[in-house]
Amino acid sequence: MNVVITGASKGFGKAFSEKFAANGYNVFLCARHEESLRSTAEEINSRYPTITTHYKVCDVSSKEEVKTFAE
């Protein structure tokens, strides 16, 4: 199963990312701040190597950025 999580670099989004990954979901993460988003993705990759983690900087208030993320 796959799950898309917005705001994945901190707070609830990060917690949801970790919970889904721990339960075997492939996670597709987005947030506005690249460094913290990359860090979150790296943490998840190291803790849960059997799932796939993708991430991309995306501001969900921008329709064009959301389209790019979805592709």
PDB file of N, CA and C in Angstrom:
ATOM      1  N   MET A   1       0.838  -1.178   0.000  1.00  0.00           N
ATOM      2  CA  MET A   1       0.000   0.000   0.000  1.00  0.00           C
ATOM      3  C   MET A   1       0.887   1.247   0.000  1.00  0.00           C
ATOM      4  N   ASN A   2       0.364   2.292  -0.563  1.00  0.00           N
ATOM      5  CA  ASN A   2       1.062   3.575  -0.626  1.00  0.00           C
ATOM      6  C   ASN A   2       0.251   4.635   0.107  1.00  0.00           C
ATOM      7  N   VAL A   3       0.945   5.597   0.671  1.00  0.00           N
ATOM      8  CA  VAL A   3       0.273   6.700   1.338  1.00  0.00           C
ATOM      9  C   VAL A   3       1.030   7.990   1.044  1.00  0.00           C
ATOM     10  N   VAL A   4       0.284   9.067   0.789  1.00  0.00           N
ATOM     11  CA  VAL A   4       0.855  10.394   0.570  1.00  0.00           C
ATOM     12  C   VAL A   4       0.643  11.196   1.842  1.00  0.00           C
ATOM     13  N   ILE A   5       1.711  11.826   2.325  1.00  0.00           N
ATOM     14  CA  ILE A   5       1.619  12.612   3.548  1.00  0.00           C
ATOM     15  C   ILE A   5       2.166  14.004   3.287  1.00  0.00           C
ATOM     16  N   THR A   6       1.343  14.998   3.531  1.00  0.00           N
ATOM     17  CA  THR A   6       1.767  16.391   3.397  1.00  0.00           C
ATOM     18  C   THR A   6       2.225  16.889   4.762  1.00  0.00           C
ATOM     19  N   GLY A   7       3.084  17.895   4.758  1.00  0.00           N
ATOM     20  CA  GLY A   7       3.607  18.417   6.012  1.00  0.00           C
ATOM     21  C   GLY A   7       4.423  17.373   6.744  1.00  0.00           C
ATOM     22  N   ALA A   8       5.119  16.533   5.983  1.00  0.00           N
ATOM     23  CA  ALA A   8       5.771  15.342   6.527  1.00  0.00           C
ATOM     24  C   ALA A   8       7.080  15.606   7.253  1.00  0.00           C
ATOM     25  N   SER A   9       7.574  16.831   7.238  1.00  0.00           N
ATOM     26  CA  SER A   9       8.896  17.080   7.808  1.00  0.00           C
ATOM     27  C   SER A   9       8.900  17.284   9.317  1.00  0.00           C
ATOM     28  N   LYS A  10       7.718  17.543   9.911  1.00  0.00           N
ATOM     29  CA  LYS A  10       7.674  17.742  11.368  1.00  0.00           C
ATOM     30  C   LYS A  10       6.250  17.588  11.879  1.00  0.00           C
ATOM     31  N   GLY A  11       6.117  17.578  13.171  1.00  0.00           N
ATOM     32  CA  GLY A  11       4.805  17.523  13.810  1.00  0.00           C
ATOM     33  C   GLY A  11       4.000  16.287  13.464  1.00  0.00           C
ATOM     34  N   PHE A  12       2.681  16.500  13.290  1.00  0.00           N
ATOM     35  CA  PHE A  12       1.787  15.387  12.986  1.00  0.00           C
ATOM     36  C   PHE A  12       2.165  14.678  11.699  1.00  0.00           C
ATOM     37  N   GLY A  13       2.560  15.432  10.673  1.00  0.00           N
ATOM     38  CA  GLY A  13       2.926  14.818   9.401  1.00  0.00           C
ATOM     39  C   GLY A  13       4.086  13.847   9.544  1.00  0.00           C
ATOM     40  N   LYS A  14       5.086  14.242  10.307  1.00  0.00           N
ATOM     41  CA  LYS A  14       6.240  13.362  10.545  1.00  0.00           C
ATOM     42  C   LYS A  14       5.807  12.129  11.342  1.00  0.00           C
ATOM     43  N   ALA A  15       4.988  12.338  12.356  1.00  0.00           N
ATOM     44  CA  ALA A  15       4.508  11.217  13.167  1.00  0.00           C
ATOM     45  C   ALA A  15       3.690  10.236  12.327  1.00  0.00           C
ATOM     46  N   PHE A  16       2.819  10.773  11.462  1.00  0.00           N
ATOM     47  CA  PHE A  16       2.037   9.902  10.582  1.00  0.00           C
ATOM     48  C   PHE A  16       2.954   9.130   9.631  1.00  0.00           C
ATOM     49  N   SER A  17       3.980   9.813   9.111  1.00  0.00           N
ATOM     50  CA  SER A  17       4.930   9.160   8.200  1.00  0.00           C
ATOM     51  C   SER A  17       5.582   7.963   8.864  1.00  0.00           C
ATOM     52  N   GLU A  18       6.031   8.162  10.088  1.00  0.00           N
ATOM     53  CA  GLU A  18       6.699   7.082  10.818  1.00  0.00           C
ATOM     54  C   GLU A  18       5.729   5.940  11.130  1.00  0.00           C
ATOM     55  N   LYS A  19       4.521   6.269  11.502  1.00  0.00           N
ATOM     56  CA  LYS A  19       3.526   5.245  11.840  1.00  0.00           C
ATOM     57  C   LYS A  19       3.160   4.402  10.620  1.00  0.00           C
ATOM     58  N   PHE A  20       2.906   5.060   9.497  1.00  0.00           N
ATOM     59  CA  PHE A  20       2.582   4.310   8.279  1.00  0.00           C
ATOM     60  C   PHE A  20       3.765   3.442   7.841  1.00  0.00           C
ATOM     61  N   ALA A  21       4.967   3.989   7.886  1.00  0.00           N
ATOM     62  CA  ALA A  21       6.153   3.218   7.506  1.00  0.00           C
ATOM     63  C   ALA A  21       6.328   2.004   8.418  1.00  0.00           C
ATOM     64  N   ALA A  22       6.115   2.200   9.695  1.00  0.00           N
ATOM     65  CA  ALA A  22       6.245   1.098  10.656  1.00  0.00           C
ATOM     66  C   ALA A  22       5.245  -0.018  10.370  1.00  0.00           C
ATOM     67  N   ASN A  23       4.133   0.335   9.744  1.00  0.00           N
ATOM     68  CA  ASN A  23       3.109  -0.653   9.406  1.00  0.00           C
ATOM     69  C   ASN A  23       3.227  -1.164   7.978  1.00  0.00           C
ATOM     70  N   GLY A  24       4.361  -0.884   7.330  1.00  0.00           N
ATOM     71  CA  GLY A  24       4.653  -1.467   6.030  1.00  0.00           C
ATOM     72  C   GLY A  24       4.169  -0.701   4.819  1.00  0.00           C
ATOM     73  N   TYR A  25       3.678   0.511   5.012  1.00  0.00           N
ATOM     74  CA  TYR A  25       3.227   1.326   3.888  1.00  0.00           C
ATOM     75  C   TYR A  25       4.407   2.000   3.202  1.00  0.00           C
ATOM     76  N   ASN A  26       4.384   2.099   1.883  1.00  0.00           N
ATOM     77  CA  ASN A  26       5.329   2.942   1.153  1.00  0.00           C
ATOM     78  C   ASN A  26       4.849   4.379   1.347  1.00  0.00           C
ATOM     79  N   VAL A  27       5.771   5.285   1.632  1.00  0.00           N
ATOM     80  CA  VAL A  27       5.365   6.660   1.929  1.00  0.00           C
ATOM     81  C   VAL A  27       5.897   7.623   0.881  1.00  0.00           C
ATOM     82  N   PHE A  28       5.034   8.539   0.490  1.00  0.00           N
ATOM     83  CA  PHE A  28       5.357   9.619  -0.437  1.00  0.00           C
ATOM     84  C   PHE A  28       5.179  10.902   0.356  1.00  0.00           C
ATOM     85  N   LEU A  29       6.292  11.545   0.663  1.00  0.00           N
ATOM     86  CA  LEU A  29       6.298  12.665   1.594  1.00  0.00           C
ATOM     87  C   LEU A  29       6.481  13.991   0.878  1.00  0.00           C
ATOM     88  N   CYS A  30       5.798  15.011   1.364  1.00  0.00           N
ATOM     89  CA  CYS A  30       6.041  16.351   0.859  1.00  0.00           C
ATOM     90  C   CYS A  30       5.940  17.348   2.009  1.00  0.00           C
ATOM     91  N   ALA A  31       6.680  18.425   1.852  1.00  0.00           N
ATOM     92  CA  ALA A  31       6.694  19.535   2.799  1.00  0.00           C
ATOM     93  C   ALA A  31       7.401  20.694   2.112  1.00  0.00           C
ATOM     94  N   ARG A  32       7.390  21.846   2.737  1.00  0.00           N
ATOM     95  CA  ARG A  32       7.982  23.031   2.116  1.00  0.00           C
ATOM     96  C   ARG A  32       9.471  23.185   2.378  1.00  0.00           C
ATOM     97  N   HIS A  33       9.997  22.549   3.428  1.00  0.00           N
ATOM     98  CA  HIS A  33      11.391  22.770   3.817  1.00  0.00           C
ATOM     99  C   HIS A  33      12.235  21.536   3.488  1.00  0.00           C
ATOM    100  N   GLU A  34      13.097  21.707   2.499  1.00  0.00           N
ATOM    101  CA  GLU A  34      13.838  20.562   1.953  1.00  0.00           C
ATOM    102  C   GLU A  34      14.725  19.858   2.977  1.00  0.00           C
ATOM    103  N   GLU A  35      15.473  20.608   3.752  1.00  0.00           N
ATOM    104  CA  GLU A  35      16.424  19.972   4.664  1.00  0.00           C
ATOM    105  C   GLU A  35      15.727  19.085   5.693  1.00  0.00           C
ATOM    106  N   SER A  36      14.673  19.591   6.316  1.00  0.00           N
ATOM    107  CA  SER A  36      13.975  18.776   7.313  1.00  0.00           C
ATOM    108  C   SER A  36      13.206  17.625   6.660  1.00  0.00           C
ATOM    109  N   LEU A  37      12.705  17.843   5.447  1.00  0.00           N
ATOM    110  CA  LEU A  37      12.021  16.778   4.719  1.00  0.00           C
ATOM    111  C   LEU A  37      12.994  15.659   4.358  1.00  0.00           C
ATOM    112  N   ARG A  38      14.151  16.034   3.855  1.00  0.00           N
ATOM    113  CA  ARG A  38      15.183  15.034   3.515  1.00  0.00           C
ATOM    114  C   ARG A  38      15.590  14.255   4.760  1.00  0.00           C
ATOM    115  N   SER A  39      15.768  14.956   5.862  1.00  0.00           N
ATOM    116  CA  SER A  39      16.144  14.312   7.115  1.00  0.00           C
ATOM    117  C   SER A  39      15.089  13.294   7.557  1.00  0.00           C
ATOM    118  N   THR A  40      13.826  13.675   7.461  1.00  0.00           N
ATOM    119  CA  THR A  40      12.744  12.759   7.816  1.00  0.00           C
ATOM    120  C   THR A  40      12.770  11.526   6.923  1.00  0.00           C
ATOM    121  N   ALA A  41      12.926  11.725   5.624  1.00  0.00           N
ATOM    122  CA  ALA A  41      12.976  10.602   4.683  1.00  0.00           C
ATOM    123  C   ALA A  41      14.154   9.684   4.987  1.00  0.00           C
ATOM    124  N   GLU A  42      15.306  10.252   5.307  1.00  0.00           N
ATOM    125  CA  GLU A  42      16.481   9.445   5.629  1.00  0.00           C
ATOM    126  C   GLU A  42      16.262   8.644   6.913  1.00  0.00           C
ATOM    127  N   GLU A  43      15.646   9.257   7.907  1.00  0.00           N
ATOM    128  CA  GLU A  43      15.342   8.550   9.156  1.00  0.00           C
ATOM    129  C   GLU A  43      14.419   7.362   8.887  1.00  0.00           C
ATOM    130  N   ILE A  44      13.385   7.594   8.111  1.00  0.00           N
ATOM    131  CA  ILE A  44      12.437   6.529   7.805  1.00  0.00           C
ATOM    132  C   ILE A  44      13.123   5.425   7.004  1.00  0.00           C
ATOM    133  N   ASN A  45      13.946   5.798   6.023  1.00  0.00           N
ATOM    134  CA  ASN A  45      14.669   4.795   5.230  1.00  0.00           C
ATOM    135  C   ASN A  45      15.557   3.920   6.108  1.00  0.00           C
ATOM    136  N   SER A  46      16.222   4.527   7.074  1.00  0.00           N
ATOM    137  CA  SER A  46      17.129   3.736   7.915  1.00  0.00           C
ATOM    138  C   SER A  46      16.373   2.844   8.899  1.00  0.00           C
ATOM    139  N   ARG A  47      15.232   3.301   9.386  1.00  0.00           N
ATOM    140  CA  ARG A  47      14.457   2.507  10.350  1.00  0.00           C
ATOM    141  C   ARG A  47      13.638   1.405   9.682  1.00  0.00           C
ATOM    142  N   TYR A  48      13.159   1.682   8.469  1.00  0.00           N
ATOM    143  CA  TYR A  48      12.243   0.756   7.786  1.00  0.00           C
ATOM    144  C   TYR A  48      12.729   0.485   6.360  1.00  0.00           C
ATOM    145  N   PRO A  49      13.809  -0.272   6.224  1.00  0.00           N
ATOM    146  CA  PRO A  49      14.412  -0.481   4.895  1.00  0.00           C
ATOM    147  C   PRO A  49      13.572  -1.310   3.932  1.00  0.00           C
ATOM    148  N   THR A  50      12.526  -1.946   4.405  1.00  0.00           N
ATOM    149  CA  THR A  50      11.726  -2.788   3.516  1.00  0.00           C
ATOM    150  C   THR A  50      10.638  -2.015   2.771  1.00  0.00           C
ATOM    151  N   ILE A  51      10.417  -0.761   3.147  1.00  0.00           N
ATOM    152  CA  ILE A  51       9.418   0.048   2.444  1.00  0.00           C
ATOM    153  C   ILE A  51      10.117   1.036   1.524  1.00  0.00           C
ATOM    154  N   THR A  52       9.352   1.632   0.629  1.00  0.00           N
ATOM    155  CA  THR A  52       9.878   2.648  -0.278  1.00  0.00           C
ATOM    156  C   THR A  52       9.481   4.019   0.242  1.00  0.00           C
ATOM    157  N   THR A  53      10.450   4.919   0.266  1.00  0.00           N
ATOM    158  CA  THR A  53      10.191   6.285   0.703  1.00  0.00           C
ATOM    159  C   THR A  53      10.584   7.237  -0.416  1.00  0.00           C
ATOM    160  N   HIS A  54       9.636   8.048  -0.837  1.00  0.00           N
ATOM    161  CA  HIS A  54       9.896   9.094  -1.825  1.00  0.00           C
ATOM    162  C   HIS A  54       9.581  10.419  -1.164  1.00  0.00           C
ATOM    163  N   TYR A  55      10.326  11.457  -1.532  1.00  0.00           N
ATOM    164  CA  TYR A  55       9.992  12.779  -0.999  1.00  0.00           C
ATOM    165  C   TYR A  55      10.250  13.850  -2.041  1.00  0.00           C
ATOM    166  N   LYS A  56       9.510  14.938  -1.918  1.00  0.00           N
ATOM    167  CA  LYS A  56       9.671  16.077  -2.821  1.00  0.00           C
ATOM    168  C   LYS A  56       9.178  17.322  -2.100  1.00  0.00           C
ATOM    169  N   VAL A  57       9.927  18.380  -2.249  1.00  0.00           N
ATOM    170  CA  VAL A  57       9.504  19.664  -1.702  1.00  0.00           C
ATOM    171  C   VAL A  57       8.264  20.112  -2.463  1.00  0.00           C
ATOM    172  N   CYS A  58       7.227  20.482  -1.725  1.00  0.00           N
ATOM    173  CA  CYS A  58       5.969  20.877  -2.349  1.00  0.00           C
ATOM    174  C   CYS A  58       5.185  21.747  -1.378  1.00  0.00           C
ATOM    175  N   ASP A  59       4.710  22.859  -1.878  1.00  0.00           N
ATOM    176  CA  ASP A  59       3.804  23.720  -1.120  1.00  0.00           C
ATOM    177  C   ASP A  59       2.403  23.407  -1.629  1.00  0.00           C
ATOM    178  N   VAL A  60       1.589  22.762  -0.800  1.00  0.00           N
ATOM    179  CA  VAL A  60       0.283  22.312  -1.272  1.00  0.00           C
ATOM    180  C   VAL A  60      -0.697  23.456  -1.537  1.00  0.00           C
ATOM    181  N   SER A  61      -0.307  24.679  -1.211  1.00  0.00           N
ATOM    182  CA  SER A  61      -1.158  25.813  -1.570  1.00  0.00           C
ATOM    183  C   SER A  61      -0.949  26.234  -3.027  1.00  0.00           C
ATOM    184  N   SER A  62       0.053  25.633  -3.691  1.00  0.00           N
ATOM    185  CA  SER A  62       0.334  25.913  -5.098  1.00  0.00           C
ATOM    186  C   SER A  62      -0.153  24.759  -5.970  1.00  0.00           C
ATOM    187  N   LYS A  63      -1.141  25.038  -6.786  1.00  0.00           N
ATOM    188  CA  LYS A  63      -1.711  24.020  -7.661  1.00  0.00           C
ATOM    189  C   LYS A  63      -0.645  23.385  -8.558  1.00  0.00           C
ATOM    190  N   GLU A  64       0.246  24.197  -9.094  1.00  0.00           N
ATOM    191  CA  GLU A  64       1.302  23.681  -9.986  1.00  0.00           C
ATOM    192  C   GLU A  64       2.266  22.762  -9.241  1.00  0.00           C
ATOM    193  N   GLU A  65       2.634  23.121  -8.017  1.00  0.00           N
ATOM    194  CA  GLU A  65       3.539  22.254  -7.248  1.00  0.00           C
ATOM    195  C   GLU A  65       2.877  20.928  -6.903  1.00  0.00           C
ATOM    196  N   VAL A  66       1.602  20.968  -6.610  1.00  0.00           N
ATOM    197  CA  VAL A  66       0.864  19.725  -6.311  1.00  0.00           C
ATOM    198  C   VAL A  66       0.815  18.839  -7.543  1.00  0.00           C
ATOM    199  N   LYS A  67       0.582  19.416  -8.718  1.00  0.00           N
ATOM    200  CA  LYS A  67       0.577  18.629  -9.960  1.00  0.00           C
ATOM    201  C   LYS A  67       1.935  17.972 -10.186  1.00  0.00           C
ATOM    202  N   THR A  68       2.997  18.737  -9.981  1.00  0.00           N
ATOM    203  CA  THR A  68       4.342  18.199 -10.155  1.00  0.00           C
ATOM    204  C   THR A  68       4.611  17.070  -9.169  1.00  0.00           C
ATOM    205  N   PHE A  69       4.223  17.254  -7.934  1.00  0.00           N
ATOM    206  CA  PHE A  69       4.408  16.212  -6.919  1.00  0.00           C
ATOM    207  C   PHE A  69       3.646  14.948  -7.302  1.00  0.00           C
ATOM    208  N   ALA A  70       2.427  15.114  -7.779  1.00  0.00           N
ATOM    209  CA  ALA A  70       1.594  13.967  -8.125  1.00  0.00           C
ATOM    210  C   ALA A  70       2.172  13.159  -9.289  1.00  0.00           C
ATOM    211  N   GLU A  71       2.835  13.842 -10.194  1.00  0.00           N
ATOM    212  CA  GLU A  71       3.416  13.143 -11.352  1.00  0.00           C
ATOM    213  C   GLU A  71       4.602  12.313 -10.928  1.00  0.00           C
TER     214      GLU A  71
END
